[in-house]
PDB file of N, CA and C in Angstrom:
ATOM      1  N   MET A   1     212.377-104.213 244.165  1.00  0.00           N
ATOM      2  CA  MET A   1     211.197-104.897 244.646  1.00  0.00           C
ATOM      3  C   MET A   1     210.051-103.887 244.737  1.00  0.00           C
ATOM      4  N   PHE A   2     208.875-104.312 244.297  1.00  0.00           N
ATOM      5  CA  PHE A   2     207.700-103.449 244.342  1.00  0.00           C
ATOM      6  C   PHE A   2     206.703-103.995 245.356  1.00  0.00           C
ATOM      7  N   ARG A   3     205.988-103.099 245.921  1.00  0.00           N
ATOM      8  CA  ARG A   3     204.980-103.455 246.909  1.00  0.00           C
ATOM      9  C   ARG A   3     203.619-103.004 246.383  1.00  0.00           C
ATOM     10  N   GLY A   4     202.594-103.779 246.591  1.00  0.00           N
ATOM     11  CA  GLY A   4     201.254-103.432 246.139  1.00  0.00           C
ATOM     12  C   GLY A   4     200.731-102.184 246.831  1.00  0.00           C
ATOM     13  N   ALA A   5     199.934-101.436 246.125  1.00  0.00           N
ATOM     14  CA  ALA A   5     199.351-100.211 246.670  1.00  0.00           C
ATOM     15  C   ALA A   5     198.089-100.535 247.461  1.00  0.00           C
ATOM     16  N   ASN A   6     197.890 -99.794 248.525  1.00  0.00           N
ATOM     17  CA  ASN A   6     196.672 -99.966 249.322  1.00  0.00           C
ATOM     18  C   ASN A   6     195.476 -99.350 248.615  1.00  0.00           C
ATOM     19  N   GLN A   7     195.727 -98.256 247.907  1.00  0.00           N
ATOM     20  CA  GLN A   7     194.660 -97.579 247.167  1.00  0.00           C
ATOM     21  C   GLN A   7     195.079 -97.488 245.706  1.00  0.00           C
ATOM     22  N   VAL A   8     194.111 -97.670 244.825  1.00  0.00           N
ATOM     23  CA  VAL A   8     194.387 -97.614 243.396  1.00  0.00           C
ATOM     24  C   VAL A   8     193.820 -96.325 242.831  1.00  0.00           C
ATOM     25  N   ASN A   9     194.674 -95.548 242.144  1.00  0.00           N
ATOM     26  CA  ASN A   9     194.235 -94.313 241.503  1.00  0.00           C
ATOM     27  C   ASN A   9     193.796 -94.659 240.079  1.00  0.00           C
ATOM     28  N   LYS A  10     192.492 -94.788 239.848  1.00  0.00           N
ATOM     29  CA  LYS A  10     191.974 -95.179 238.540  1.00  0.00           C
ATOM     30  C   LYS A  10     192.121 -94.069 237.506  1.00  0.00           C
ATOM     31  N   ASN A  11     192.421 -92.857 237.921  1.00  0.00           N
ATOM     32  CA  ASN A  11     192.588 -91.734 236.996  1.00  0.00           C
ATOM     33  C   ASN A  11     194.049 -91.494 236.641  1.00  0.00           C
ATOM     34  N   LEU A  12     194.936 -92.348 237.099  1.00  0.00           N
ATOM     35  CA  LEU A  12     196.363 -92.148 236.926  1.00  0.00           C
ATOM     36  C   LEU A  12     196.769 -91.939 235.469  1.00  0.00           C
ATOM     37  N   LEU A  13     196.213 -92.719 234.558  1.00  0.00           N
ATOM     38  CA  LEU A  13     196.611 -92.637 233.158  1.00  0.00           C
ATOM     39  C   LEU A  13     195.638 -91.844 232.293  1.00  0.00           C
ATOM     40  N   GLN A  14     194.747 -91.081 232.904  1.00  0.00           N
ATOM     41  CA  GLN A  14     193.823 -90.241 232.150  1.00  0.00           C
ATOM     42  C   GLN A  14     194.448 -88.880 231.890  1.00  0.00           C
ATOM     43  N   SER A  15     193.971 -88.238 230.855  1.00  0.00           N
ATOM     44  CA  SER A  15     194.406 -86.886 230.535  1.00  0.00           C
ATOM     45  C   SER A  15     194.011 -85.927 231.660  1.00  0.00           C
ATOM     46  N   ALA A  16     194.812 -84.897 231.837  1.00  0.00           N
ATOM     47  CA  ALA A  16     194.483 -83.856 232.817  1.00  0.00           C
ATOM     48  C   ALA A  16     193.191 -83.140 232.422  1.00  0.00           C
ATOM     49  N   LEU A  17     192.804 -83.249 231.151  1.00  0.00           N
ATOM     50  CA  LEU A  17     191.569 -82.618 230.680  1.00  0.00           C
ATOM     51  C   LEU A  17     190.333 -83.445 231.042  1.00  0.00           C
ATOM     52  N   GLY A  18     190.535 -84.655 231.530  1.00  0.00           N
ATOM     53  CA  GLY A  18     189.409 -85.505 231.932  1.00  0.00           C
ATOM     54  C   GLY A  18     188.432 -85.737 230.799  1.00  0.00           C
ATOM     55  N   ASP A  19     187.145 -85.505 231.043  1.00  0.00           N
ATOM     56  CA  ASP A  19     186.109 -85.723 230.038  1.00  0.00           C
ATOM     57  C   ASP A  19     186.186 -84.746 228.872  1.00  0.00           C
ATOM     58  N   LYS A  20     186.952 -83.678 229.020  1.00  0.00           N
ATOM     59  CA  LYS A  20     187.094 -82.693 227.935  1.00  0.00           C
ATOM     60  C   LYS A  20     188.181 -83.096 226.938  1.00  0.00           C
ATOM     61  N   TRP A  21     188.917 -84.194 227.215  1.00  0.00           N
ATOM     62  CA  TRP A  21     189.948 -84.658 226.293  1.00  0.00           C
ATOM     63  C   TRP A  21     189.302 -85.127 225.008  1.00  0.00           C
ATOM     64  N   ARG A  22     189.833 -84.683 223.897  1.00  0.00           N
ATOM     65  CA  ARG A  22     189.304 -85.068 222.591  1.00  0.00           C
ATOM     66  C   ARG A  22     190.222 -86.101 221.974  1.00  0.00           C
ATOM     67  N   GLY A  23     189.644 -87.189 221.533  1.00  0.00           N
ATOM     68  CA  GLY A  23     190.425 -88.305 221.026  1.00  0.00           C
ATOM     69  C   GLY A  23     190.467 -88.388 219.511  1.00  0.00           C
ATOM     70  N   PHE A  24     190.698 -89.603 219.035  1.00  0.00           N
ATOM     71  CA  PHE A  24     190.929 -89.875 217.625  1.00  0.00           C
ATOM     72  C   PHE A  24     189.997 -90.983 217.149  1.00  0.00           C
ATOM     73  N   LEU A  25     189.730 -90.983 215.850  1.00  0.00           N
ATOM     74  CA  LEU A  25     188.976 -92.052 215.215  1.00  0.00           C
ATOM     75  C   LEU A  25     189.738 -92.474 213.964  1.00  0.00           C
ATOM     76  N   TYR A  26     190.030 -93.763 213.874  1.00  0.00           N
ATOM     77  CA  TYR A  26     190.731 -94.300 212.710  1.00  0.00           C
ATOM     78  C   TYR A  26     189.944 -95.481 212.158  1.00  0.00           C
ATOM     79  N   ALA A  27     189.868 -95.558 210.835  1.00  0.00           N
ATOM     80  CA  ALA A  27     189.289 -96.726 210.179  1.00  0.00           C
ATOM     81  C   ALA A  27     190.196 -97.100 209.018  1.00  0.00           C
ATOM     82  N   ASP A  28     190.417 -98.385 208.860  1.00  0.00           N
ATOM     83  CA  ASP A  28     191.352 -98.865 207.840  1.00  0.00           C
ATOM     84  C   ASP A  28     190.762-100.089 207.156  1.00  0.00           C
ATOM     85  N   TRP A  29     190.861-100.121 205.826  1.00  0.00           N
ATOM     86  CA  TRP A  29     190.358-101.239 205.035  1.00  0.00           C
ATOM     87  C   TRP A  29     191.429-101.699 204.058  1.00  0.00           C
ATOM     88  N   GLU A  30     191.567-103.018 203.908  1.00  0.00           N
ATOM     89  CA  GLU A  30     192.450-103.625 202.911  1.00  0.00           C
ATOM     90  C   GLU A  30     191.643-104.673 202.158  1.00  0.00           C
ATOM     91  N   ASP A  31     191.606-104.567 200.802  1.00  0.00           N
ATOM     92  CA  ASP A  31     190.886-105.566 200.014  1.00  0.00           C
ATOM     93  C   ASP A  31     191.462-106.966 200.245  1.00  0.00           C
ATOM     94  N   LYS A  32     192.788-107.048 200.339  1.00  0.00           N
ATOM     95  CA  LYS A  32     193.465-108.318 200.624  1.00  0.00           C
ATOM     96  C   LYS A  32     193.873-108.298 202.093  1.00  0.00           C
ATOM     97  N   VAL A  33     193.377-109.242 202.866  1.00  0.00           N
ATOM     98  CA  VAL A  33     193.663-109.284 204.301  1.00  0.00           C
ATOM     99  C   VAL A  33     195.151-109.570 204.515  1.00  0.00           C
ATOM    100  N   PRO A  34     195.855-108.655 205.212  1.00  0.00           N
ATOM    101  CA  PRO A  34     197.272-108.903 205.510  1.00  0.00           C
ATOM    102  C   PRO A  34     197.435-110.143 206.399  1.00  0.00           C
ATOM    103  N   ASP A  35     198.596-110.801 206.317  1.00  0.00           N
ATOM    104  CA  ASP A  35     198.858-112.015 207.098  1.00  0.00           C
ATOM    105  C   ASP A  35     198.689-111.796 208.596  1.00  0.00           C
ATOM    106  N   TRP A  36     199.006-110.620 209.064  1.00  0.00           N
ATOM    107  CA  TRP A  36     198.980-110.330 210.496  1.00  0.00           C
ATOM    108  C   TRP A  36     197.607-109.881 210.983  1.00  0.00           C
ATOM    109  N   GLN A  37     196.639-109.808 210.077  1.00  0.00           N
ATOM    110  CA  GLN A  37     195.310-109.292 210.430  1.00  0.00           C
ATOM    111  C   GLN A  37     194.259-110.379 210.236  1.00  0.00           C
ATOM    112  N   THR A  38     193.156-110.298 210.977  1.00  0.00           N
ATOM    113  CA  THR A  38     192.118-111.321 210.886  1.00  0.00           C
ATOM    114  C   THR A  38     190.870-110.854 210.145  1.00  0.00           C
ATOM    115  N   SER A  39     190.851-109.596 209.683  1.00  0.00           N
ATOM    116  CA  SER A  39     189.706-109.079 208.930  1.00  0.00           C
ATOM    117  C   SER A  39     190.185-108.035 207.937  1.00  0.00           C
ATOM    118  N   ASN A  40     189.310-107.698 206.993  1.00  0.00           N
ATOM    119  CA  ASN A  40     189.660-106.690 205.996  1.00  0.00           C
ATOM    120  C   ASN A  40     189.723-105.290 206.572  1.00  0.00           C
ATOM    121  N   GLY A  41     188.876-105.008 207.542  1.00  0.00           N
ATOM    122  CA  GLY A  41     188.793-103.647 208.051  1.00  0.00           C
ATOM    123  C   GLY A  41     188.642-103.570 209.554  1.00  0.00           C
ATOM    124  N   THR A  42     189.066-102.428 210.084  1.00  0.00           N
ATOM    125  CA  THR A  42     188.996-102.194 211.524  1.00  0.00           C
ATOM    126  C   THR A  42     188.679-100.727 211.784  1.00  0.00           C
ATOM    127  N   ILE A  43     187.895-100.483 212.827  1.00  0.00           N
ATOM    128  CA  ILE A  43     187.647 -99.126 213.312  1.00  0.00           C
ATOM    129  C   ILE A  43     188.192 -99.041 214.729  1.00  0.00           C
ATOM    130  N   PHE A  44     188.975 -97.987 214.978  1.00  0.00           N
ATOM    131  CA  PHE A  44     189.519 -97.720 216.303  1.00  0.00           C
ATOM    132  C   PHE A  44     188.963 -96.396 216.800  1.00  0.00           C
ATOM    133  N   ASN A  45     188.212 -96.435 217.869  1.00  0.00           N
ATOM    134  CA  ASN A  45     187.678 -95.227 218.499  1.00  0.00           C
ATOM    135  C   ASN A  45     188.517 -94.951 219.733  1.00  0.00           C
ATOM    136  N   GLU A  46     189.374 -93.947 219.654  1.00  0.00           N
ATOM    137  CA  GLU A  46     190.243 -93.586 220.776  1.00  0.00           C
ATOM    138  C   GLU A  46     189.727 -92.291 221.406  1.00  0.00           C
ATOM    139  N   THR A  47     188.474 -92.308 221.830  1.00  0.00           N
ATOM    140  CA  THR A  47     187.871 -91.166 222.517  1.00  0.00           C
ATOM    141  C   THR A  47     187.347 -91.644 223.860  1.00  0.00           C
ATOM    142  N   ASN A  48     186.766 -90.749 224.617  1.00  0.00           N
ATOM    143  CA  ASN A  48     186.190 -91.108 225.913  1.00  0.00           C
ATOM    144  C   ASN A  48     184.745 -91.565 225.802  1.00  0.00           C
ATOM    145  N   LEU A  49     184.179 -91.597 224.588  1.00  0.00           N
ATOM    146  CA  LEU A  49     182.778 -91.963 224.416  1.00  0.00           C
ATOM    147  C   LEU A  49     182.593 -93.461 224.623  1.00  0.00           C
ATOM    148  N   CYS A  50     181.837 -93.832 225.634  1.00  0.00           N
ATOM    149  CA  CYS A  50     181.595 -95.241 225.971  1.00  0.00           C
ATOM    150  C   CYS A  50     180.105 -95.554 225.893  1.00  0.00           C
ATOM    151  N   SER A  51     179.825 -96.819 225.700  1.00  0.00           N
ATOM    152  CA  SER A  51     178.437 -97.298 225.726  1.00  0.00           C
ATOM    153  C   SER A  51     177.991 -97.403 227.185  1.00  0.00           C
ATOM    154  N   PRO A  52     176.697 -97.648 227.422  1.00  0.00           N
ATOM    155  CA  PRO A  52     176.223 -97.812 228.803  1.00  0.00           C
ATOM    156  C   PRO A  52     176.943 -98.929 229.568  1.00  0.00           C
ATOM    157  N   THR A  53     177.518 -99.916 228.849  1.00  0.00           N
ATOM    158  CA  THR A  53     178.235-101.004 229.520  1.00  0.00           C
ATOM    159  C   THR A  53     179.681-100.636 229.822  1.00  0.00           C
ATOM    160  N   GLY A  54     180.119 -99.428 229.403  1.00  0.00           N
ATOM    161  CA  GLY A  54     181.483 -98.991 229.675  1.00  0.00           C
ATOM    162  C   GLY A  54     182.476 -99.326 228.580  1.00  0.00           C
ATOM    163  N   GLN A  55     182.008 -99.979 227.505  1.00  0.00           N
ATOM    164  CA  GLN A  55     182.892-100.309 226.387  1.00  0.00           C
ATOM    165  C   GLN A  55     183.005 -99.107 225.450  1.00  0.00           C
ATOM    166  N   LEU A  56     184.191 -98.931 224.837  1.00  0.00           N
ATOM    167  CA  LEU A  56     184.335 -97.857 223.863  1.00  0.00           C
ATOM    168  C   LEU A  56     183.403 -98.127 222.689  1.00  0.00           C
ATOM    169  N   VAL A  57     182.700 -97.116 222.241  1.00  0.00           N
ATOM    170  CA  VAL A  57     181.771 -97.232 221.125  1.00  0.00           C
ATOM    171  C   VAL A  57     182.553 -97.226 219.820  1.00  0.00           C
ATOM    172  N   GLY A  58     182.245 -98.160 218.926  1.00  0.00           N
ATOM    173  CA  GLY A  58     182.774 -98.108 217.574  1.00  0.00           C
ATOM    174  C   GLY A  58     183.989 -98.950 217.286  1.00  0.00           C
ATOM    175  N   ASN A  59     184.590 -99.582 218.251  1.00  0.00           N
ATOM    176  CA  ASN A  59     185.727-100.439 217.945  1.00  0.00           C
ATOM    177  C   ASN A  59     185.216-101.748 217.358  1.00  0.00           C
ATOM    178  N   GLY A  60     185.842-102.198 216.272  1.00  0.00           N
ATOM    179  CA  GLY A  60     185.377-103.447 215.688  1.00  0.00           C
ATOM    180  C   GLY A  60     186.117-103.833 214.434  1.00  0.00           C
ATOM    181  N   LYS A  61     185.899-105.081 214.029  1.00  0.00           N
ATOM    182  CA  LYS A  61     186.498-105.635 212.823  1.00  0.00           C
ATOM    183  C   LYS A  61     185.407-105.841 211.791  1.00  0.00           C
ATOM    184  N   TYR A  62     185.768-105.695 210.514  1.00  0.00           N
ATOM    185  CA  TYR A  62     184.781-105.734 209.430  1.00  0.00           C
ATOM    186  C   TYR A  62     185.255-106.622 208.286  1.00  0.00           C
ATOM    187  N   SER A  63     184.291-107.274 207.627  1.00  0.00           N
ATOM    188  CA  SER A  63     184.592-108.065 206.434  1.00  0.00           C
ATOM    189  C   SER A  63     183.848-107.520 205.218  1.00  0.00           C
ATOM    190  N   ASP A  64     183.236-106.342 205.381  1.00  0.00           N
ATOM    191  CA  ASP A  64     182.483-105.727 204.282  1.00  0.00           C
ATOM    192  C   ASP A  64     182.703-104.209 204.305  1.00  0.00           C
ATOM    193  N   TRP A  65     183.233-103.696 203.182  1.00  0.00           N
ATOM    194  CA  TRP A  65     183.611-102.283 203.078  1.00  0.00           C
ATOM    195  C   TRP A  65     182.438-101.344 203.322  1.00  0.00           C
ATOM    196  N   GLU A  66     181.284-101.629 202.731  1.00  0.00           N
ATOM    197  CA  GLU A  66     180.133-100.735 202.853  1.00  0.00           C
ATOM    198  C   GLU A  66     179.713-100.552 204.318  1.00  0.00           C
ATOM    199  N   THR A  67     179.734-101.623 205.081  1.00  0.00           N
ATOM    200  CA  THR A  67     179.367-101.538 206.497  1.00  0.00           C
ATOM    201  C   THR A  67     180.397-100.736 207.282  1.00  0.00           C
ATOM    202  N   LEU A  68     181.676-100.994 207.022  1.00  0.00           N
ATOM    203  CA  LEU A  68     182.731-100.227 207.697  1.00  0.00           C
ATOM    204  C   LEU A  68     182.596 -98.739 207.378  1.00  0.00           C
ATOM    205  N   GLU A  69     182.422 -98.406 206.103  1.00  0.00           N
ATOM    206  CA  GLU A  69     182.308 -97.008 205.697  1.00  0.00           C
ATOM    207  C   GLU A  69     181.096 -96.343 206.357  1.00  0.00           C
ATOM    208  N   GLN A  70     179.970 -97.020 206.355  1.00  0.00           N
ATOM    209  CA  GLN A  70     178.751 -96.482 206.967  1.00  0.00           C
ATOM    210  C   GLN A  70     178.949 -96.270 208.467  1.00  0.00           C
ATOM    211  N   ASP A  71     179.509 -97.265 209.145  1.00  0.00           N
ATOM    212  CA  ASP A  71     179.740 -97.147 210.589  1.00  0.00           C
ATOM    213  C   ASP A  71     180.734 -96.039 210.908  1.00  0.00           C
ATOM    214  N   TYR A  72     181.779 -95.914 210.075  1.00  0.00           N
ATOM    215  CA  TYR A  72     182.776 -94.866 210.287  1.00  0.00           C
ATOM    216  C   TYR A  72     182.123 -93.486 210.236  1.00  0.00           C
ATOM    217  N   TYR A  73     181.379 -93.195 209.176  1.00  0.00           N
ATOM    218  CA  TYR A  73     180.769 -91.862 209.033  1.00  0.00           C
ATOM    219  C   TYR A  73     179.722 -91.590 210.114  1.00  0.00           C
ATOM    220  N   GLN A  74     178.966 -92.612 210.480  1.00  0.00           N
ATOM    221  CA  GLN A  74     177.981 -92.443 211.547  1.00  0.00           C
ATOM    222  C   GLN A  74     178.687 -92.130 212.869  1.00  0.00           C
ATOM    223  N   LEU A  75     179.739 -92.874 213.178  1.00  0.00           N
ATOM    224  CA  LEU A  75     180.477 -92.650 214.416  1.00  0.00           C
ATOM    225  C   LEU A  75     181.207 -91.304 214.373  1.00  0.00           C
ATOM    226  N   PHE A  76     181.808 -90.968 213.240  1.00  0.00           N
ATOM    227  CA  PHE A  76     182.486 -89.686 213.089  1.00  0.00           C
ATOM    228  C   PHE A  76     181.525 -88.532 213.385  1.00  0.00           C
ATOM    229  N   ASN A  77     180.353 -88.548 212.767  1.00  0.00           N
ATOM    230  CA  ASN A  77     179.383 -87.465 212.980  1.00  0.00           C
ATOM    231  C   ASN A  77     178.911 -87.410 214.423  1.00  0.00           C
ATOM    232  N   ASP A  78     178.715 -88.567 215.032  1.00  0.00           N
ATOM    233  CA  ASP A  78     178.294 -88.620 216.432  1.00  0.00           C
ATOM    234  C   ASP A  78     179.376 -88.034 217.351  1.00  0.00           C
ATOM    235  N   LEU A  79     180.615 -88.449 217.150  1.00  0.00           N
ATOM    236  CA  LEU A  79     181.723 -87.944 217.976  1.00  0.00           C
ATOM    237  C   LEU A  79     181.935 -86.446 217.768  1.00  0.00           C
ATOM    238  N   LYS A  80     181.831 -86.009 216.524  1.00  0.00           N
ATOM    239  CA  LYS A  80     182.003 -84.583 216.217  1.00  0.00           C
ATOM    240  C   LYS A  80     180.893 -83.759 216.862  1.00  0.00           C
ATOM    241  N   ASN A  81     179.656 -84.229 216.769  1.00  0.00           N
ATOM    242  CA  ASN A  81     178.532 -83.508 217.375  1.00  0.00           C
ATOM    243  C   ASN A  81     178.645 -83.451 218.897  1.00  0.00           C
ATOM    244  N   LYS A  82     179.261 -84.468 219.490  1.00  0.00           N
ATOM    245  CA  LYS A  82     179.443 -84.488 220.944  1.00  0.00           C
ATOM    246  C   LYS A  82     180.720 -83.765 221.377  1.00  0.00           C
ATOM    247  N   ASN A  83     181.485 -83.267 220.389  1.00  0.00           N
ATOM    248  CA  ASN A  83     182.688 -82.480 220.647  1.00  0.00           C
ATOM    249  C   ASN A  83     183.740 -83.260 221.450  1.00  0.00           C
ATOM    250  N   VAL A  84     183.921 -84.545 221.096  1.00  0.00           N
ATOM    251  CA  VAL A  84     184.888 -85.375 221.808  1.00  0.00           C
ATOM    252  C   VAL A  84     185.991 -85.910 220.886  1.00  0.00           C
ATOM    253  N   ILE A  85     186.124 -85.282 219.718  1.00  0.00           N
ATOM    254  CA  ILE A  85     187.106 -85.766 218.747  1.00  0.00           C
ATOM    255  C   ILE A  85     187.960 -84.609 218.241  1.00  0.00           C
ATOM    256  N   ARG A  86     189.232 -84.906 217.969  1.00  0.00           N
ATOM    257  CA  ARG A  86     190.097 -83.874 217.389  1.00  0.00           C
ATOM    258  C   ARG A  86     190.728 -84.296 216.071  1.00  0.00           C
ATOM    259  N   PHE A  87     190.663 -85.601 215.743  1.00  0.00           N
ATOM    260  CA  PHE A  87     191.210 -86.070 214.480  1.00  0.00           C
ATOM    261  C   PHE A  87     190.484 -87.341 214.062  1.00  0.00           C
ATOM    262  N   SER A  88     190.250 -87.473 212.745  1.00  0.00           N
ATOM    263  CA  SER A  88     189.594 -88.658 212.222  1.00  0.00           C
ATOM    264  C   SER A  88     190.143 -88.967 210.830  1.00  0.00           C
ATOM    265  N   GLN A  89     190.284 -90.263 210.542  1.00  0.00           N
ATOM    266  CA  GLN A  89     190.797 -90.649 209.225  1.00  0.00           C
ATOM    267  C   GLN A  89     190.243 -92.011 208.819  1.00  0.00           C
ATOM    268  N   LEU A  90     189.822 -92.100 207.552  1.00  0.00           N
ATOM    269  CA  LEU A  90     189.352 -93.339 206.943  1.00  0.00           C
ATOM    270  C   LEU A  90     190.264 -93.647 205.766  1.00  0.00           C
ATOM    271  N   LYS A  91     190.839 -94.860 205.756  1.00  0.00           N
ATOM    272  CA  LYS A  91     191.730 -95.278 204.674  1.00  0.00           C
ATOM    273  C   LYS A  91     191.222 -96.567 204.043  1.00  0.00           C
ATOM    274  N   LYS A  92     191.364 -96.637 202.715  1.00  0.00           N
ATOM    275  CA  LYS A  92     191.035 -97.858 201.974  1.00  0.00           C
ATOM    276  C   LYS A  92     192.225 -98.193 201.095  1.00  0.00           C
ATOM    277  N   ASN A  93     192.803 -99.358 201.323  1.00  0.00           N
ATOM    278  CA  ASN A  93     193.987 -99.798 200.578  1.00  0.00           C
ATOM    279  C   ASN A  93     195.089 -98.728 200.614  1.00  0.00           C
ATOM    280  N   ASN A  94     195.331 -98.206 201.786  1.00  0.00           N
ATOM    281  CA  ASN A  94     196.365 -97.194 202.063  1.00  0.00           C
ATOM    282  C   ASN A  94     196.101 -95.832 201.431  1.00  0.00           C
ATOM    283  N   LYS A  95     194.926 -95.627 200.871  1.00  0.00           N
ATOM    284  CA  LYS A  95     194.561 -94.329 200.307  1.00  0.00           C
ATOM    285  C   LYS A  95     193.598 -93.645 201.280  1.00  0.00           C
ATOM    286  N   VAL A  96     193.885 -92.389 201.617  1.00  0.00           N
ATOM    287  CA  VAL A  96     193.024 -91.641 202.530  1.00  0.00           C
ATOM    288  C   VAL A  96     191.741 -91.265 201.797  1.00  0.00           C
ATOM    289  N   ILE A  97     190.612 -91.753 202.315  1.00  0.00           N
ATOM    290  CA  ILE A  97     189.291 -91.480 201.753  1.00  0.00           C
ATOM    291  C   ILE A  97     188.678 -90.266 202.435  1.00  0.00           C
ATOM    292  N   HIS A  98     188.904 -90.158 203.738  1.00  0.00           N
ATOM    293  CA  HIS A  98     188.364 -89.042 204.522  1.00  0.00           C
ATOM    294  C   HIS A  98     189.347 -88.707 205.619  1.00  0.00           C
ATOM    295  N   SER A  99     189.550 -87.420 205.821  1.00  0.00           N
ATOM    296  CA  SER A  99     190.398 -86.962 206.922  1.00  0.00           C
ATOM    297  C   SER A  99     189.819 -85.657 207.467  1.00  0.00           C
ATOM    298  N   TRP A 100     189.792 -85.539 208.766  1.00  0.00           N
ATOM    299  CA  TRP A 100     189.261 -84.343 209.412  1.00  0.00           C
ATOM    300  C   TRP A 100     190.082 -84.082 210.661  1.00  0.00           C
ATOM    301  N   SER A 101     190.336 -82.808 210.939  1.00  0.00           N
ATOM    302  CA  SER A 101     190.996 -82.463 212.201  1.00  0.00           C
ATOM    303  C   SER A 101     190.417 -81.161 212.739  1.00  0.00           C
ATOM    304  N   LEU A 102     190.442 -81.045 214.036  1.00  0.00           N
ATOM    305  CA  LEU A 102     189.919 -79.895 214.733  1.00  0.00           C
ATOM    306  C   LEU A 102     190.738 -78.659 214.363  1.00  0.00           C
ATOM    307  N   GLN A 103     190.063 -77.563 214.060  1.00  0.00           N
ATOM    308  CA  GLN A 103     190.748 -76.305 213.764  1.00  0.00           C
ATOM    309  C   GLN A 103     191.437 -75.800 215.020  1.00  0.00           C
ATOM    310  N   LYS A 104     192.650 -75.333 214.876  1.00  0.00           N
ATOM    311  CA  LYS A 104     193.394 -74.813 216.046  1.00  0.00           C
ATOM    312  C   LYS A 104     193.145 -73.348 216.229  1.00  0.00           C
TER     313      LYS A 104
END
């Protein structure tokens, strides 16, 4: 049996590095939409960079390759310049178009 907590620790699942944690950026495109997917392309921003409303910047679904590619590179450069990313990858039809990782 579990009992509710009186106080909630909102940082419980955050990295010990806090705002210095560097995340990932993934973008994936398929010319033929898979049965389990609702769009041709998706961008996943797994960093701490949020918009003023608190939403992660750059997450979204796409139906046009050129827009996805443009948004990916714009977001990649922004995240890299802000030093909040450690890995990034863009794939089109399972072929890696762009890949970058932080030097160790």
